[in-house]
Amino acid sequence: MRDIEPIIEKIRRTVASHRLADEGRYTRRLTTLPEGEAPAINEYGVADAANILYSIGDFSPSPLFRNGFADALKSLQHRDTGLFTEPTHHTVHTTAHCSAALELFDERPLPPKSLLPYLEKEKLYELLDSLDWVTSPWDNSHIGAGIYVSMVLSGVAGRDWENDYFAWLWDNADPETGLWRKGCISAPGSRPVYEHMAGSFHYLFNHEYAARPLRYPEKMIDTEIDMYKNHALSRNFGRNCGFLEMDWIYCLTRATRQTGYRFAEGREVLRDFANIFFDYLDAADPEKDASFDDLHMLFGAVCSIAELYRALPGEFSAAKPPKLVLDRRPFI
């Protein structure tokens, strides 16, 4: 059994170092800021500090802690549009991500006024159809998945709207790979399959939240295992903090929850990857590793830790079992 508590403690110290003067206010980066830029409150700094602290079991019951985070997040929402904005991500991604962080404190954001037209089925389907599923499936999934989360967590979407959303995804699942969108993954000029997988991850966690079935879980499992065995993921896969690792882990673990297909083989590749990934995290220097210093990228790694911990029971130990925020609400 491998003890990962030293990794958890390193993560804990990193988050603490990014805290600004007031409770709940965090900078996203500290030691790797661009030259001349000072630490300042950031949407992803606040949201991901909350996400990480929840994940590693460091949520305080103190009203000062809870109100500090909730107030900080609410202060970042634009009251005229109901959206959250941050320069590195699409506005719908930022809105969904901050809304999801607020949910950890049993709070709701203001309604996303600028997105309300998409409560009409025709507008929703027009949006999903208009996304670039061929040359930008990963980035565009932030919109296609984020629209669901922004509507649902703000309380403006009803049951019929959710059914319409998942009906579109059911109809557009790819029968060859189990990913989204059919007809796009092998299209001329399409991005590598792992980018389609990373995009599909965002739709998958919406399915998991709503307890919706996958149309082709066996095909998704084939895709995940084959990508790993054929080294068809990014060159630094498992050797930095980010989200691609979690995308791959989650697609494999959650597809295997719906079928026993290739179950043992899936656990073998997860075990092989976990040792590589934990070796990297053990050695990482938070003051020199830009991905570790970035709380958003670090949160991606924390999600991977939590999902691996549950997928491989008894193989790792920590003082508190890491929790995955996606098991509470969608979006990371």
C-alpha atoms as a PDB file:
ATOM      1  CA  MET A   1       0.000   0.000   0.000  1.00  0.00           C
ATOM      2  CA  ARG A   2       1.451   3.333  -1.078  1.00  0.00           C
ATOM      3  CA  ASP A   3       1.151   6.247   1.352  1.00  0.00           C
ATOM      4  CA  ILE A   4       0.134   9.396  -0.557  1.00  0.00           C
ATOM      5  CA  GLU A   5      -0.200  11.602   2.539  1.00  0.00           C
ATOM      6  CA  PRO A   6       3.069  13.436   1.719  1.00  0.00           C
ATOM      7  CA  ILE A   7       1.526  14.430  -1.624  1.00  0.00           C
ATOM      8  CA  ILE A   8      -1.666  15.593   0.100  1.00  0.00           C
ATOM      9  CA  GLU A   9       0.365  17.658   2.556  1.00  0.00           C
ATOM     10  CA  LYS A  10       2.287  19.286  -0.285  1.00  0.00           C
ATOM     11  CA  ILE A  11      -1.014  20.198  -1.923  1.00  0.00           C
ATOM     12  CA  ARG A  12      -2.349  21.555   1.379  1.00  0.00           C
ATOM     13  CA  ARG A  13       0.695  23.823   1.815  1.00  0.00           C
ATOM     14  CA  THR A  14       0.392  25.066  -1.765  1.00  0.00           C
ATOM     15  CA  VAL A  15      -3.233  26.092  -1.315  1.00  0.00           C
ATOM     16  CA  ALA A  16      -2.442  27.811   1.985  1.00  0.00           C
ATOM     17  CA  SER A  17       0.338  29.814   0.336  1.00  0.00           C
ATOM     18  CA  HIS A  18      -2.098  31.153  -2.292  1.00  0.00           C
ATOM     19  CA  ARG A  19      -4.505  32.613   0.252  1.00  0.00           C
ATOM     20  CA  LEU A  20      -4.766  36.388   0.299  1.00  0.00           C
ATOM     21  CA  ALA A  21      -5.540  38.488   3.371  1.00  0.00           C
ATOM     22  CA  ASP A  22      -9.254  37.722   3.700  1.00  0.00           C
ATOM     23  CA  GLU A  23     -10.919  34.338   4.161  1.00  0.00           C
ATOM     24  CA  GLY A  24     -12.057  32.796   0.869  1.00  0.00           C
ATOM     25  CA  ARG A  25      -9.928  35.037  -1.360  1.00  0.00           C
ATOM     26  CA  TYR A  26      -7.187  33.288  -3.349  1.00  0.00           C
ATOM     27  CA  THR A  27      -4.803  34.010  -6.179  1.00  0.00           C
ATOM     28  CA  ARG A  28      -4.654  31.398  -8.906  1.00  0.00           C
ATOM     29  CA  ARG A  29      -0.852  31.532  -9.232  1.00  0.00           C
ATOM     30  CA  LEU A  30       1.812  32.648  -6.786  1.00  0.00           C
ATOM     31  CA  THR A  31       5.404  31.799  -7.740  1.00  0.00           C
ATOM     32  CA  THR A  32       4.873  31.577 -11.510  1.00  0.00           C
ATOM     33  CA  LEU A  33       3.013  34.823 -12.143  1.00  0.00           C
ATOM     34  CA  PRO A  34       4.061  36.807 -15.233  1.00  0.00           C
ATOM     35  CA  GLU A  35       6.762  39.349 -14.464  1.00  0.00           C
ATOM     36  CA  GLY A  36       5.304  42.493 -12.932  1.00  0.00           C
ATOM     37  CA  GLU A  37       1.976  40.879 -12.011  1.00  0.00           C
ATOM     38  CA  ALA A  38       1.036  40.784  -8.333  1.00  0.00           C
ATOM     39  CA  PRO A  39      -1.089  38.080  -6.641  1.00  0.00           C
ATOM     40  CA  ALA A  40      -4.762  39.046  -6.796  1.00  0.00           C
ATOM     41  CA  ILE A  41      -8.153  37.414  -6.350  1.00  0.00           C
ATOM     42  CA  ASN A  42      -9.066  35.242  -9.318  1.00  0.00           C
ATOM     43  CA  GLU A  43     -12.201  33.267 -10.212  1.00  0.00           C
ATOM     44  CA  TYR A  44     -10.266  30.029 -10.602  1.00  0.00           C
ATOM     45  CA  GLY A  45      -8.097  30.759  -7.597  1.00  0.00           C
ATOM     46  CA  VAL A  46     -11.135  31.000  -5.323  1.00  0.00           C
ATOM     47  CA  ALA A  47     -13.155  28.200  -6.929  1.00  0.00           C
ATOM     48  CA  ASP A  48     -10.280  25.753  -7.021  1.00  0.00           C
ATOM     49  CA  ALA A  49      -9.040  26.496  -3.524  1.00  0.00           C
ATOM     50  CA  ALA A  50     -12.545  25.554  -2.386  1.00  0.00           C
ATOM     51  CA  ASN A  51     -12.584  22.478  -4.616  1.00  0.00           C
ATOM     52  CA  ILE A  52      -9.200  21.279  -3.378  1.00  0.00           C
ATOM     53  CA  LEU A  53      -9.952  21.862   0.306  1.00  0.00           C
ATOM     54  CA  TYR A  54     -13.203  19.911  -0.082  1.00  0.00           C
ATOM     55  CA  SER A  55     -11.387  17.112  -1.890  1.00  0.00           C
ATOM     56  CA  ILE A  56      -8.664  16.642   0.746  1.00  0.00           C
ATOM     57  CA  GLY A  57     -11.064  16.889   3.688  1.00  0.00           C
ATOM     58  CA  ASP A  58     -10.072  20.365   4.863  1.00  0.00           C
ATOM     59  CA  PHE A  59     -13.484  22.057   4.780  1.00  0.00           C
ATOM     60  CA  SER A  60     -13.957  23.951   8.024  1.00  0.00           C
ATOM     61  CA  PRO A  61     -17.385  24.077   9.696  1.00  0.00           C
ATOM     62  CA  SER A  62     -16.642  27.665  10.695  1.00  0.00           C
ATOM     63  CA  PRO A  63     -19.173  30.229   9.389  1.00  0.00           C
ATOM     64  CA  LEU A  64     -16.217  32.534   8.709  1.00  0.00           C
ATOM     65  CA  PHE A  65     -14.741  29.930   6.343  1.00  0.00           C
ATOM     66  CA  ARG A  66     -17.990  29.153   4.542  1.00  0.00           C
ATOM     67  CA  ASN A  67     -19.191  32.736   4.299  1.00  0.00           C
ATOM     68  CA  GLY A  68     -15.762  33.937   3.217  1.00  0.00           C
ATOM     69  CA  PHE A  69     -15.720  31.614   0.201  1.00  0.00           C
ATOM     70  CA  ALA A  70     -19.378  32.160  -0.681  1.00  0.00           C
ATOM     71  CA  ASP A  71     -19.038  35.936  -0.475  1.00  0.00           C
ATOM     72  CA  ALA A  72     -15.829  35.915  -2.524  1.00  0.00           C
ATOM     73  CA  LEU A  73     -17.429  33.861  -5.284  1.00  0.00           C
ATOM     74  CA  LYS A  74     -20.621  35.923  -5.336  1.00  0.00           C
ATOM     75  CA  SER A  75     -18.591  39.123  -5.590  1.00  0.00           C
ATOM     76  CA  LEU A  76     -17.075  37.836  -8.843  1.00  0.00           C
ATOM     77  CA  GLN A  77     -20.422  37.291 -10.609  1.00  0.00           C
ATOM     78  CA  HIS A  78     -21.493  40.058 -12.988  1.00  0.00           C
ATOM     79  CA  ARG A  79     -24.933  41.102 -11.822  1.00  0.00           C
ATOM     80  CA  ASP A  80     -25.984  42.504 -15.206  1.00  0.00           C
ATOM     81  CA  THR A  81     -25.387  39.266 -17.119  1.00  0.00           C
ATOM     82  CA  GLY A  82     -25.348  36.657 -14.354  1.00  0.00           C
ATOM     83  CA  LEU A  83     -22.042  35.355 -15.730  1.00  0.00           C
ATOM     84  CA  PHE A  84     -18.563  34.840 -14.332  1.00  0.00           C
ATOM     85  CA  THR A  85     -15.598  35.803 -16.530  1.00  0.00           C
ATOM     86  CA  GLU A  86     -11.879  35.031 -16.552  1.00  0.00           C
ATOM     87  CA  PRO A  87      -9.472  35.573 -19.454  1.00  0.00           C
ATOM     88  CA  THR A  88      -8.146  32.008 -19.804  1.00  0.00           C
ATOM     89  CA  HIS A  89     -11.494  30.226 -20.288  1.00  0.00           C
ATOM     90  CA  HIS A  90     -14.758  30.683 -22.152  1.00  0.00           C
ATOM     91  CA  THR A  91     -17.343  32.590 -20.114  1.00  0.00           C
ATOM     92  CA  VAL A  92     -19.683  29.574 -19.999  1.00  0.00           C
ATOM     93  CA  HIS A  93     -16.891  27.458 -18.522  1.00  0.00           C
ATOM     94  CA  THR A  94     -16.097  30.081 -15.900  1.00  0.00           C
ATOM     95  CA  THR A  95     -19.780  30.470 -15.032  1.00  0.00           C
ATOM     96  CA  ALA A  96     -20.285  26.722 -14.653  1.00  0.00           C
ATOM     97  CA  HIS A  97     -17.075  26.290 -12.675  1.00  0.00           C
ATOM     98  CA  CYS A  98     -17.841  29.064 -10.179  1.00  0.00           C
ATOM     99  CA  SER A  99     -21.462  27.925  -9.873  1.00  0.00           C
ATOM    100  CA  ALA A 100     -20.220  24.432  -9.035  1.00  0.00           C
ATOM    101  CA  ALA A 101     -17.846  25.806  -6.401  1.00  0.00           C
ATOM    102  CA  LEU A 102     -20.692  27.757  -4.805  1.00  0.00           C
ATOM    103  CA  GLU A 103     -22.707  24.535  -4.540  1.00  0.00           C
ATOM    104  CA  LEU A 104     -20.082  23.153  -2.140  1.00  0.00           C
ATOM    105  CA  PHE A 105     -21.327  25.780   0.324  1.00  0.00           C
ATOM    106  CA  ASP A 106     -25.013  25.013  -0.398  1.00  0.00           C
ATOM    107  CA  GLU A 107     -25.287  28.308  -2.264  1.00  0.00           C
ATOM    108  CA  ARG A 108     -26.678  29.224  -5.672  1.00  0.00           C
ATOM    109  CA  PRO A 109     -25.455  31.887  -8.066  1.00  0.00           C
ATOM    110  CA  LEU A 110     -27.758  34.490  -9.551  1.00  0.00           C
ATOM    111  CA  PRO A 111     -29.599  33.231 -12.667  1.00  0.00           C
ATOM    112  CA  PRO A 112     -27.341  33.389 -15.755  1.00  0.00           C
ATOM    113  CA  LYS A 113     -29.427  36.030 -17.533  1.00  0.00           C
ATOM    114  CA  SER A 114     -27.387  35.971 -20.740  1.00  0.00           C
ATOM    115  CA  LEU A 115     -27.899  32.217 -21.122  1.00  0.00           C
ATOM    116  CA  LEU A 116     -31.649  32.095 -20.512  1.00  0.00           C
ATOM    117  CA  PRO A 117     -32.555  32.056 -24.249  1.00  0.00           C
ATOM    118  CA  TYR A 118     -31.063  28.538 -24.347  1.00  0.00           C
ATOM    119  CA  LEU A 119     -33.891  27.303 -22.158  1.00  0.00           C
ATOM    120  CA  GLU A 120     -35.779  26.986 -25.462  1.00  0.00           C
ATOM    121  CA  LYS A 121     -35.184  23.561 -26.962  1.00  0.00           C
ATOM    122  CA  GLU A 122     -34.590  24.958 -30.446  1.00  0.00           C
ATOM    123  CA  LYS A 123     -31.979  27.425 -29.186  1.00  0.00           C
ATOM    124  CA  LEU A 124     -30.277  24.740 -27.121  1.00  0.00           C
ATOM    125  CA  TYR A 125     -30.056  22.379 -30.093  1.00  0.00           C
ATOM    126  CA  GLU A 126     -28.816  25.199 -32.323  1.00  0.00           C
ATOM    127  CA  LEU A 127     -26.050  25.858 -29.799  1.00  0.00           C
ATOM    128  CA  LEU A 128     -24.994  22.205 -29.581  1.00  0.00           C
ATOM    129  CA  ASP A 129     -25.098  21.829 -33.370  1.00  0.00           C
ATOM    130  CA  SER A 130     -23.003  24.969 -33.828  1.00  0.00           C
ATOM    131  CA  LEU A 131     -20.078  23.803 -31.678  1.00  0.00           C
ATOM    132  CA  ASP A 132     -16.827  22.876 -33.402  1.00  0.00           C
ATOM    133  CA  TRP A 133     -16.842  19.122 -32.863  1.00  0.00           C
ATOM    134  CA  VAL A 134     -14.059  18.454 -35.392  1.00  0.00           C
ATOM    135  CA  THR A 135     -11.167  20.879 -34.894  1.00  0.00           C
ATOM    136  CA  SER A 136     -11.864  22.105 -31.338  1.00  0.00           C
ATOM    137  CA  PRO A 137     -13.819  19.413 -29.468  1.00  0.00           C
ATOM    138  CA  TRP A 138     -12.054  19.958 -26.137  1.00  0.00           C
ATOM    139  CA  ASP A 139     -12.480  23.717 -25.841  1.00  0.00           C
ATOM    140  CA  ASN A 140     -15.993  23.640 -27.250  1.00  0.00           C
ATOM    141  CA  SER A 141     -17.075  21.027 -24.716  1.00  0.00           C
ATOM    142  CA  HIS A 142     -16.647  23.735 -22.098  1.00  0.00           C
ATOM    143  CA  ILE A 143     -19.650  25.413 -23.719  1.00  0.00           C
ATOM    144  CA  GLY A 144     -21.702  22.305 -24.485  1.00  0.00           C
ATOM    145  CA  ALA A 145     -21.317  20.903 -20.973  1.00  0.00           C
ATOM    146  CA  GLY A 146     -21.128  24.234 -19.180  1.00  0.00           C
ATOM    147  CA  ILE A 147     -24.530  25.333 -20.458  1.00  0.00           C
ATOM    148  CA  TYR A 148     -26.113  22.367 -18.668  1.00  0.00           C
ATOM    149  CA  VAL A 149     -24.340  23.062 -15.383  1.00  0.00           C
ATOM    150  CA  SER A 150     -25.012  26.801 -15.484  1.00  0.00           C
ATOM    151  CA  MET A 151     -28.726  26.181 -15.970  1.00  0.00           C
ATOM    152  CA  VAL A 152     -29.138  23.306 -13.526  1.00  0.00           C
ATOM    153  CA  LEU A 153     -27.076  24.604 -10.600  1.00  0.00           C
ATOM    154  CA  SER A 154     -28.666  28.043 -10.808  1.00  0.00           C
ATOM    155  CA  GLY A 155     -32.094  26.385 -10.601  1.00  0.00           C
ATOM    156  CA  VAL A 156     -33.513  27.782 -13.840  1.00  0.00           C
ATOM    157  CA  ALA A 157     -33.690  24.514 -15.819  1.00  0.00           C
ATOM    158  CA  GLY A 158     -36.577  22.108 -15.482  1.00  0.00           C
ATOM    159  CA  ARG A 159     -36.966  18.383 -16.009  1.00  0.00           C
ATOM    160  CA  ASP A 160     -38.118  18.648 -19.623  1.00  0.00           C
ATOM    161  CA  TRP A 161     -35.090  20.781 -20.514  1.00  0.00           C
ATOM    162  CA  GLU A 162     -32.739  18.219 -18.978  1.00  0.00           C
ATOM    163  CA  ASN A 163     -34.443  15.437 -20.916  1.00  0.00           C
ATOM    164  CA  ASP A 164     -34.023  17.398 -24.143  1.00  0.00           C
ATOM    165  CA  TYR A 165     -30.333  17.969 -23.398  1.00  0.00           C
ATOM    166  CA  PHE A 166     -29.560  14.308 -22.784  1.00  0.00           C
ATOM    167  CA  ALA A 167     -31.709  13.187 -25.730  1.00  0.00           C
ATOM    168  CA  TRP A 168     -29.467  15.233 -28.041  1.00  0.00           C
ATOM    169  CA  LEU A 169     -26.347  13.646 -26.567  1.00  0.00           C
ATOM    170  CA  TRP A 170     -27.845  10.146 -26.864  1.00  0.00           C
ATOM    171  CA  ASP A 171     -28.651  10.714 -30.519  1.00  0.00           C
ATOM    172  CA  ASN A 172     -25.174  12.108 -31.217  1.00  0.00           C
ATOM    173  CA  ALA A 173     -22.982   9.552 -29.424  1.00  0.00           C
ATOM    174  CA  ASP A 174     -20.389   7.988 -31.699  1.00  0.00           C
ATOM    175  CA  PRO A 175     -20.939   4.211 -32.182  1.00  0.00           C
ATOM    176  CA  GLU A 176     -17.261   3.644 -33.062  1.00  0.00           C
ATOM    177  CA  THR A 177     -15.586   5.280 -30.036  1.00  0.00           C
ATOM    178  CA  GLY A 178     -18.383   5.874 -27.518  1.00  0.00           C
ATOM    179  CA  LEU A 179     -17.410   9.563 -27.492  1.00  0.00           C
ATOM    180  CA  TRP A 180     -19.080  12.711 -28.807  1.00  0.00           C
ATOM    181  CA  ARG A 181     -19.922  13.633 -31.568  1.00  0.00           C
ATOM    182  CA  LYS A 182     -20.647  10.913 -34.126  1.00  0.00           C
ATOM    183  CA  GLY A 183     -19.295  11.603 -37.580  1.00  0.00           C
ATOM    184  CA  CYS A 184     -16.747  14.099 -36.235  1.00  0.00           C
ATOM    185  CA  ILE A 185     -13.979  12.054 -34.634  1.00  0.00           C
ATOM    186  CA  SER A 186     -12.757  10.471 -37.871  1.00  0.00           C
ATOM    187  CA  ALA A 187     -13.669  13.443 -40.068  1.00  0.00           C
ATOM    188  CA  PRO A 188     -10.976  15.044 -42.260  1.00  0.00           C
ATOM    189  CA  GLY A 189      -8.905  17.540 -40.267  1.00  0.00           C
ATOM    190  CA  SER A 190     -10.157  16.214 -36.941  1.00  0.00           C
ATOM    191  CA  ARG A 191      -8.070  16.572 -33.790  1.00  0.00           C
ATOM    192  CA  PRO A 192      -6.360  13.540 -32.152  1.00  0.00           C
ATOM    193  CA  VAL A 193      -8.740  11.141 -30.464  1.00  0.00           C
ATOM    194  CA  TYR A 194      -7.503  12.091 -27.002  1.00  0.00           C
ATOM    195  CA  GLU A 195      -8.812  15.635 -27.522  1.00  0.00           C
ATOM    196  CA  HIS A 196     -12.237  14.224 -28.395  1.00  0.00           C
ATOM    197  CA  MET A 197     -11.996  12.095 -25.255  1.00  0.00           C
ATOM    198  CA  ALA A 198     -11.129  15.156 -23.150  1.00  0.00           C
ATOM    199  CA  GLY A 199     -14.139  16.948 -24.563  1.00  0.00           C
ATOM    200  CA  SER A 200     -16.397  13.940 -24.034  1.00  0.00           C
ATOM    201  CA  PHE A 201     -15.376  13.836 -20.376  1.00  0.00           C
ATOM    202  CA  HIS A 202     -17.349  17.046 -19.813  1.00  0.00           C
ATOM    203  CA  TYR A 203     -20.535  15.518 -21.186  1.00  0.00           C
ATOM    204  CA  LEU A 204     -19.877  12.342 -19.222  1.00  0.00           C
ATOM    205  CA  PHE A 205     -19.789  14.045 -15.826  1.00  0.00           C
ATOM    206  CA  ASN A 206     -23.163  15.585 -16.638  1.00  0.00           C
ATOM    207  CA  HIS A 207     -24.446  12.076 -17.370  1.00  0.00           C
ATOM    208  CA  GLU A 208     -23.020  10.853 -14.071  1.00  0.00           C
ATOM    209  CA  TYR A 209     -24.604  13.687 -12.104  1.00  0.00           C
ATOM    210  CA  ALA A 210     -28.019  12.989 -13.622  1.00  0.00           C
ATOM    211  CA  ALA A 211     -27.550   9.177 -13.486  1.00  0.00           C
ATOM    212  CA  ARG A 212     -28.062   8.854 -17.248  1.00  0.00           C
ATOM    213  CA  PRO A 213     -26.865   5.797 -19.191  1.00  0.00           C
ATOM    214  CA  LEU A 214     -24.154   5.904 -21.817  1.00  0.00           C
ATOM    215  CA  ARG A 215     -25.198   4.661 -25.236  1.00  0.00           C
ATOM    216  CA  TYR A 216     -21.925   2.876 -26.061  1.00  0.00           C
ATOM    217  CA  PRO A 217     -20.006   2.229 -22.795  1.00  0.00           C
ATOM    218  CA  GLU A 218     -18.091  -0.743 -24.235  1.00  0.00           C
ATOM    219  CA  LYS A 219     -16.804   1.398 -27.091  1.00  0.00           C
ATOM    220  CA  MET A 220     -15.708   4.098 -24.651  1.00  0.00           C
ATOM    221  CA  ILE A 221     -13.780   1.476 -22.672  1.00  0.00           C
ATOM    222  CA  ASP A 222     -12.080   0.226 -25.841  1.00  0.00           C
ATOM    223  CA  THR A 223     -11.081   3.779 -26.707  1.00  0.00           C
ATOM    224  CA  GLU A 224      -9.636   4.520 -23.246  1.00  0.00           C
ATOM    225  CA  ILE A 225      -7.622   1.309 -22.922  1.00  0.00           C
ATOM    226  CA  ASP A 226      -6.354   1.398 -26.482  1.00  0.00           C
ATOM    227  CA  MET A 227      -5.230   5.026 -26.197  1.00  0.00           C
ATOM    228  CA  TYR A 228      -3.174   4.230 -23.111  1.00  0.00           C
ATOM    229  CA  LYS A 229      -1.631   1.036 -24.445  1.00  0.00           C
ATOM    230  CA  ASN A 230      -0.802   2.639 -27.796  1.00  0.00           C
ATOM    231  CA  HIS A 231       0.695   5.784 -26.188  1.00  0.00           C
ATOM    232  CA  ALA A 232      -1.872   7.915 -28.006  1.00  0.00           C
ATOM    233  CA  LEU A 233      -2.206  10.501 -25.222  1.00  0.00           C
ATOM    234  CA  SER A 234      -0.163  13.697 -24.799  1.00  0.00           C
ATOM    235  CA  ARG A 235       3.624  13.446 -24.459  1.00  0.00           C
ATOM    236  CA  ASN A 236       3.658  14.675 -20.849  1.00  0.00           C
ATOM    237  CA  PHE A 237       0.650  12.608 -19.816  1.00  0.00           C
ATOM    238  CA  GLY A 238       0.961  11.773 -16.115  1.00  0.00           C
ATOM    239  CA  ARG A 239       3.942  14.068 -15.643  1.00  0.00           C
ATOM    240  CA  ASN A 240       2.280  17.395 -14.899  1.00  0.00           C
ATOM    241  CA  CYS A 241      -0.776  18.782 -13.131  1.00  0.00           C
ATOM    242  CA  GLY A 242      -3.767  19.265 -15.370  1.00  0.00           C
ATOM    243  CA  PHE A 243      -7.044  17.751 -16.480  1.00  0.00           C
ATOM    244  CA  LEU A 244      -6.218  15.334 -19.285  1.00  0.00           C
ATOM    245  CA  GLU A 245      -5.251  12.657 -16.784  1.00  0.00           C
ATOM    246  CA  MET A 246      -8.569  13.015 -14.994  1.00  0.00           C
ATOM    247  CA  ASP A 247     -10.446  13.029 -18.301  1.00  0.00           C
ATOM    248  CA  TRP A 248      -8.948   9.660 -19.208  1.00  0.00           C
ATOM    249  CA  ILE A 249      -9.288   8.100 -15.743  1.00  0.00           C
ATOM    250  CA  TYR A 250     -12.911   9.177 -15.347  1.00  0.00           C
ATOM    251  CA  CYS A 251     -14.034   8.054 -18.795  1.00  0.00           C
ATOM    252  CA  LEU A 252     -12.593   4.611 -18.066  1.00  0.00           C
ATOM    253  CA  THR A 253     -13.828   4.234 -14.480  1.00  0.00           C
ATOM    254  CA  ARG A 254     -17.332   5.521 -15.116  1.00  0.00           C
ATOM    255  CA  ALA A 255     -17.866   3.570 -18.328  1.00  0.00           C
ATOM    256  CA  THR A 256     -16.878   0.400 -16.468  1.00  0.00           C
ATOM    257  CA  ARG A 257     -19.550   1.152 -13.871  1.00  0.00           C
ATOM    258  CA  GLN A 258     -22.133   0.544 -16.598  1.00  0.00           C
ATOM    259  CA  THR A 259     -20.724  -2.746 -17.891  1.00  0.00           C
ATOM    260  CA  GLY A 260     -18.308  -5.444 -16.800  1.00  0.00           C
ATOM    261  CA  TYR A 261     -16.575  -5.320 -20.175  1.00  0.00           C
ATOM    262  CA  ARG A 262     -12.734  -5.468 -19.936  1.00  0.00           C
ATOM    263  CA  PHE A 263     -13.001  -4.623 -16.233  1.00  0.00           C
ATOM    264  CA  ALA A 264      -9.813  -6.359 -15.063  1.00  0.00           C
ATOM    265  CA  GLU A 265      -7.827  -4.990 -17.987  1.00  0.00           C
ATOM    266  CA  GLY A 266      -9.057  -1.493 -17.206  1.00  0.00           C
ATOM    267  CA  ARG A 267      -7.850  -1.808 -13.624  1.00  0.00           C
ATOM    268  CA  GLU A 268      -4.444  -2.973 -14.838  1.00  0.00           C
ATOM    269  CA  VAL A 269      -3.869   0.143 -16.934  1.00  0.00           C
ATOM    270  CA  LEU A 270      -5.159   2.379 -14.122  1.00  0.00           C
ATOM    271  CA  ARG A 271      -2.686   0.748 -11.726  1.00  0.00           C
ATOM    272  CA  ASP A 272       0.170   1.204 -14.160  1.00  0.00           C
ATOM    273  CA  PHE A 273      -0.706   4.858 -14.688  1.00  0.00           C
ATOM    274  CA  ALA A 274      -1.224   5.575 -10.975  1.00  0.00           C
ATOM    275  CA  ASN A 275       2.337   4.652 -10.085  1.00  0.00           C
ATOM    276  CA  ILE A 276       3.740   6.891 -12.824  1.00  0.00           C
ATOM    277  CA  PHE A 277       1.513   9.771 -11.761  1.00  0.00           C
ATOM    278  CA  PHE A 278       2.231   9.487  -8.039  1.00  0.00           C
ATOM    279  CA  ASP A 279       5.967   9.309  -8.752  1.00  0.00           C
ATOM    280  CA  TYR A 280       5.638  12.650 -10.546  1.00  0.00           C
ATOM    281  CA  LEU A 281       3.618  14.225  -7.721  1.00  0.00           C
ATOM    282  CA  ASP A 282       6.093  12.983  -5.109  1.00  0.00           C
ATOM    283  CA  ALA A 283       8.958  14.677  -6.951  1.00  0.00           C
ATOM    284  CA  ALA A 284       7.188  17.900  -8.038  1.00  0.00           C
ATOM    285  CA  ASP A 285       8.503  21.192  -6.633  1.00  0.00           C
ATOM    286  CA  PRO A 286       5.528  23.581  -6.194  1.00  0.00           C
ATOM    287  CA  GLU A 287       7.812  26.622  -6.421  1.00  0.00           C
ATOM    288  CA  LYS A 288       9.307  25.581  -9.754  1.00  0.00           C
ATOM    289  CA  ASP A 289       6.571  23.496 -11.373  1.00  0.00           C
ATOM    290  CA  ALA A 290       4.215  25.980 -13.041  1.00  0.00           C
ATOM    291  CA  SER A 291       1.393  23.444 -13.251  1.00  0.00           C
ATOM    292  CA  PHE A 292       1.600  22.707  -9.513  1.00  0.00           C
ATOM    293  CA  ASP A 293       1.603  26.420  -8.667  1.00  0.00           C
ATOM    294  CA  ASP A 294      -1.556  27.003 -10.754  1.00  0.00           C
ATOM    295  CA  LEU A 295      -4.473  26.122  -8.454  1.00  0.00           C
ATOM    296  CA  HIS A 296      -6.690  25.294 -11.417  1.00  0.00           C
ATOM    297  CA  MET A 297      -4.216  22.790 -12.841  1.00  0.00           C
ATOM    298  CA  LEU A 298      -3.466  21.476  -9.360  1.00  0.00           C
ATOM    299  CA  PHE A 299      -7.168  20.856  -8.845  1.00  0.00           C
ATOM    300  CA  GLY A 300      -7.169  18.670 -11.952  1.00  0.00           C
ATOM    301  CA  ALA A 301      -4.453  16.556 -10.370  1.00  0.00           C
ATOM    302  CA  VAL A 302      -6.382  16.371  -7.097  1.00  0.00           C
ATOM    303  CA  CYS A 303      -9.407  15.024  -8.981  1.00  0.00           C
ATOM    304  CA  SER A 304      -7.208  12.332 -10.513  1.00  0.00           C
ATOM    305  CA  ILE A 305      -5.914  11.389  -7.070  1.00  0.00           C
ATOM    306  CA  ALA A 306      -9.439  11.072  -5.694  1.00  0.00           C
ATOM    307  CA  GLU A 307     -10.721   8.960  -8.584  1.00  0.00           C
ATOM    308  CA  LEU A 308      -7.697   6.644  -8.537  1.00  0.00           C
ATOM    309  CA  TYR A 309      -8.021   6.229  -4.761  1.00  0.00           C
ATOM    310  CA  ARG A 310     -11.589   4.943  -5.187  1.00  0.00           C
ATOM    311  CA  ALA A 311     -10.967   2.937  -8.338  1.00  0.00           C
ATOM    312  CA  LEU A 312      -8.080   0.985  -6.777  1.00  0.00           C
ATOM    313  CA  PRO A 313      -9.271   0.296  -3.213  1.00  0.00           C
ATOM    314  CA  GLY A 314      -6.611  -0.702  -0.710  1.00  0.00           C
ATOM    315  CA  GLU A 315      -3.661   0.268  -2.923  1.00  0.00           C
ATOM    316  CA  PHE A 316      -3.144   3.788  -1.528  1.00  0.00           C
ATOM    317  CA  SER A 317      -3.538   5.351   1.891  1.00  0.00           C
ATOM    318  CA  ALA A 318      -4.056   8.871   3.225  1.00  0.00           C
ATOM    319  CA  ALA A 319      -5.104  10.354   6.566  1.00  0.00           C
ATOM    320  CA  LYS A 320      -8.476  11.228   5.006  1.00  0.00           C
ATOM    321  CA  PRO A 321      -9.710   9.465   1.859  1.00  0.00           C
ATOM    322  CA  PRO A 322      -9.755  12.069  -0.939  1.00  0.00           C
ATOM    323  CA  LYS A 323     -13.230  12.946  -2.219  1.00  0.00           C
ATOM    324  CA  LEU A 324     -14.189  13.756  -5.789  1.00  0.00           C
ATOM    325  CA  VAL A 325     -16.290  16.909  -6.147  1.00  0.00           C
ATOM    326  CA  LEU A 326     -17.954  15.367  -9.216  1.00  0.00           C
ATOM    327  CA  ASP A 327     -19.627  12.848  -6.921  1.00  0.00           C
ATOM    328  CA  ARG A 328     -21.496  15.794  -5.394  1.00  0.00           C
ATOM    329  CA  ARG A 329     -22.218  18.016  -8.404  1.00  0.00           C
ATOM    330  CA  PRO A 330     -21.063  18.358 -12.022  1.00  0.00           C
ATOM    331  CA  PHE A 331     -18.229  20.389 -13.501  1.00  0.00           C
ATOM    332  CA  ILE A 332     -14.545  20.837 -12.954  1.00  0.00           C
END
